[in-house]
Amino acid sequence: MPKQFYRSERVSGQLRRELAQLIQREIKDPGVGFISVSDVEVTRDLAHAKVFITVFEADKARDTMKALQKAAGFLRRRLGHELRMRNIPELHFLHDASVETGQKMDQLIATAVASDNKLGEDGEPEVAGQPEDSMDTKTPDSGT
């Protein structure tokens, strides 16, 4: 059975592409940093759209989101000119922190791997969870 594609899904994809281009070409606000439109979710009635923005400069995230909220009306009007839709959804910009979270996880993993490697270089056992006494091996008596 073929998958059904709802109109809201098609509209969200088109909005994502158009918003990415409009923000890149039309927004001249210096508060908007280096960003990417990661996703757009449109309600089924096409009245509202959540636009998820990834900000690559973490220190400018708050300024970028404020600048985009100010430009929401302008972007909505420009979308009306670009898209052939009767009603353009109201835009709500939300910060997408998935890239920042991924970078923090990478740093934590790198720190853990480095500490494990350092433990092995110090001469301590590299196998975690085994007490040092279990490393001693007893030889059987060769007598009677």
Protein backbone atom coordinates (compact mmCIF):
# COMPACT_ATOMS: atom_id res chain seq x y z
CA MET A 1 0.00 0.00 0.00
CA PRO A 2 1.56 3.36 -1.01
CA LYS A 3 2.32 5.90 1.67
CA GLN A 4 -0.04 8.86 1.80
CA PHE A 5 1.54 12.27 1.49
CA TYR A 6 -0.47 14.90 3.23
CA ARG A 7 -0.59 18.42 1.92
CA SER A 8 0.89 19.74 5.18
CA GLU A 9 4.02 17.61 4.62
CA ARG A 10 4.46 18.91 1.08
CA VAL A 11 3.92 22.49 2.24
CA SER A 12 6.44 22.10 5.07
CA GLY A 13 9.11 20.88 2.65
CA GLN A 14 8.46 23.76 0.28
CA LEU A 15 8.49 26.27 3.15
CA ARG A 16 11.82 24.90 4.39
CA ARG A 17 13.44 25.33 0.98
CA GLU A 18 12.00 28.81 0.37
CA LEU A 19 12.77 30.09 3.90
CA ALA A 20 16.38 28.92 3.65
CA GLN A 21 16.82 30.89 0.44
CA LEU A 22 14.95 33.96 1.68
CA ILE A 23 16.89 34.14 4.94
CA GLN A 24 20.16 33.82 3.04
CA ARG A 25 19.32 36.39 0.35
CA GLU A 26 16.88 38.85 1.93
CA ILE A 27 17.66 39.20 5.64
CA LYS A 28 20.28 41.90 6.11
CA ASP A 29 20.03 42.09 9.93
CA PRO A 30 23.51 41.75 11.49
CA GLY A 31 21.91 39.94 14.44
CA VAL A 32 21.28 36.90 12.27
CA GLY A 33 24.35 34.68 12.50
CA PHE A 34 25.34 31.63 10.49
CA ILE A 35 22.17 29.50 10.51
CA SER A 36 20.40 26.62 8.82
CA VAL A 37 16.70 25.83 8.55
CA SER A 38 16.70 22.28 9.89
CA ASP A 39 12.96 21.52 9.77
CA VAL A 40 9.51 23.03 9.34
CA GLU A 41 6.38 21.57 10.89
CA VAL A 42 3.06 22.83 9.58
CA THR A 43 -0.27 22.25 11.30
CA ARG A 44 -2.86 20.28 9.36
CA ASP A 45 -4.96 23.40 8.77
CA LEU A 46 -1.85 25.21 7.41
CA ALA A 47 -2.39 28.14 9.79
CA HIS A 48 0.87 27.88 11.76
CA ALA A 49 4.39 26.70 10.99
CA LYS A 50 7.14 25.88 13.48
CA VAL A 51 10.47 26.69 11.86
CA PHE A 52 13.42 24.96 13.55
CA ILE A 53 16.65 26.91 13.21
CA THR A 54 20.15 25.57 13.85
CA VAL A 55 22.55 28.34 14.88
CA PHE A 56 26.18 27.41 14.27
CA GLU A 57 27.53 30.22 16.46
CA ALA A 58 26.24 29.31 19.91
CA ASP A 59 26.97 32.73 21.42
CA LYS A 60 24.69 34.42 18.84
CA ALA A 61 21.72 32.07 19.24
CA ARG A 62 19.56 34.43 21.31
CA ASP A 63 20.22 37.44 19.03
CA THR A 64 19.55 35.36 15.94
CA MET A 65 16.21 34.09 17.24
CA LYS A 66 15.11 37.64 18.19
CA ALA A 67 16.10 38.95 14.76
CA LEU A 68 14.18 36.15 13.01
CA GLN A 69 11.08 36.79 15.13
CA LYS A 70 11.24 40.46 14.07
CA ALA A 71 11.57 39.45 10.43
CA ALA A 72 8.72 36.90 10.58
CA GLY A 73 6.17 39.26 9.01
CA PHE A 74 8.55 40.24 6.22
CA LEU A 75 9.39 36.58 5.51
CA ARG A 76 5.72 35.63 5.51
CA ARG A 77 4.93 38.38 2.99
CA ARG A 78 7.85 37.30 0.76
CA LEU A 79 6.66 33.68 0.98
CA GLY A 80 3.26 34.89 -0.24
CA HIS A 81 4.94 36.25 -3.36
CA GLU A 82 7.02 33.11 -3.94
CA LEU A 83 4.46 30.38 -3.23
CA ARG A 84 1.13 29.85 -4.91
CA MET A 85 -0.94 29.46 -1.76
CA ARG A 86 -4.05 31.25 -0.65
CA ASN A 87 -2.95 31.50 2.98
CA ILE A 88 0.63 31.53 4.20
CA PRO A 89 1.13 30.01 7.67
CA GLU A 90 2.14 32.20 10.60
CA LEU A 91 5.84 31.57 11.27
CA HIS A 92 7.11 30.59 14.73
CA PHE A 93 10.91 30.32 14.96
CA LEU A 94 12.36 27.79 17.42
CA HIS A 95 16.00 27.06 18.24
CA ASP A 96 17.14 23.54 17.29
CA ALA A 97 19.95 22.55 19.66
CA SER A 98 20.59 19.09 18.19
CA VAL A 99 23.94 20.08 16.63
CA GLU A 100 25.16 21.62 19.90
CA THR A 101 24.04 18.54 21.83
CA GLY A 102 25.86 16.30 19.35
CA GLN A 103 29.06 18.31 19.72
CA LYS A 104 28.86 18.06 23.53
CA MET A 105 28.36 14.30 23.26
CA ASP A 106 31.38 14.01 20.94
CA GLN A 107 33.49 15.93 23.46
CA LEU A 108 32.35 13.69 26.31
CA ILE A 109 33.15 10.56 24.31
CA ALA A 110 36.58 11.92 23.34
CA THR A 111 37.29 12.74 27.00
CA ALA A 112 36.26 9.26 28.11
CA VAL A 113 38.40 7.59 25.43
CA ALA A 114 41.39 9.78 26.34
CA SER A 115 41.05 8.94 30.03
CA ASP A 116 40.83 5.21 29.20
CA ASN A 117 43.98 5.44 27.08
CA LYS A 118 45.78 7.34 29.84
CA LEU A 119 44.81 4.65 32.34
CA GLY A 120 46.36 2.00 30.12
CA GLU A 121 49.66 3.94 29.75
CA ASP A 122 50.11 4.26 33.53
CA GLY A 123 50.55 0.54 33.85
CA GLU A 124 47.21 -0.12 35.46
CA PRO A 125 45.03 -2.80 33.93
CA GLU A 126 43.09 -1.74 30.89
CA VAL A 127 40.24 -4.14 31.62
CA ALA A 128 37.69 -2.26 33.67
CA GLY A 129 35.76 -3.91 36.46
CA GLN A 130 38.37 -6.51 37.50
CA PRO A 131 40.03 -6.17 40.89
CA GLU A 132 43.81 -6.20 40.92
CA ASP A 133 43.93 -9.41 43.02
CA SER A 134 42.26 -11.36 40.24
CA MET A 135 45.18 -10.52 37.98
CA ASP A 136 47.50 -12.71 40.10
CA THR A 137 47.70 -16.22 38.77
CA LYS A 138 48.43 -19.19 40.99
CA THR A 139 50.54 -22.01 39.70
CA PRO A 140 49.54 -25.54 40.61
CA ASP A 141 51.90 -27.47 42.90
CA SER A 142 54.27 -29.61 40.92
CA GLY A 143 54.71 -31.96 43.88
CA THR A 144 52.85 -35.15 44.74
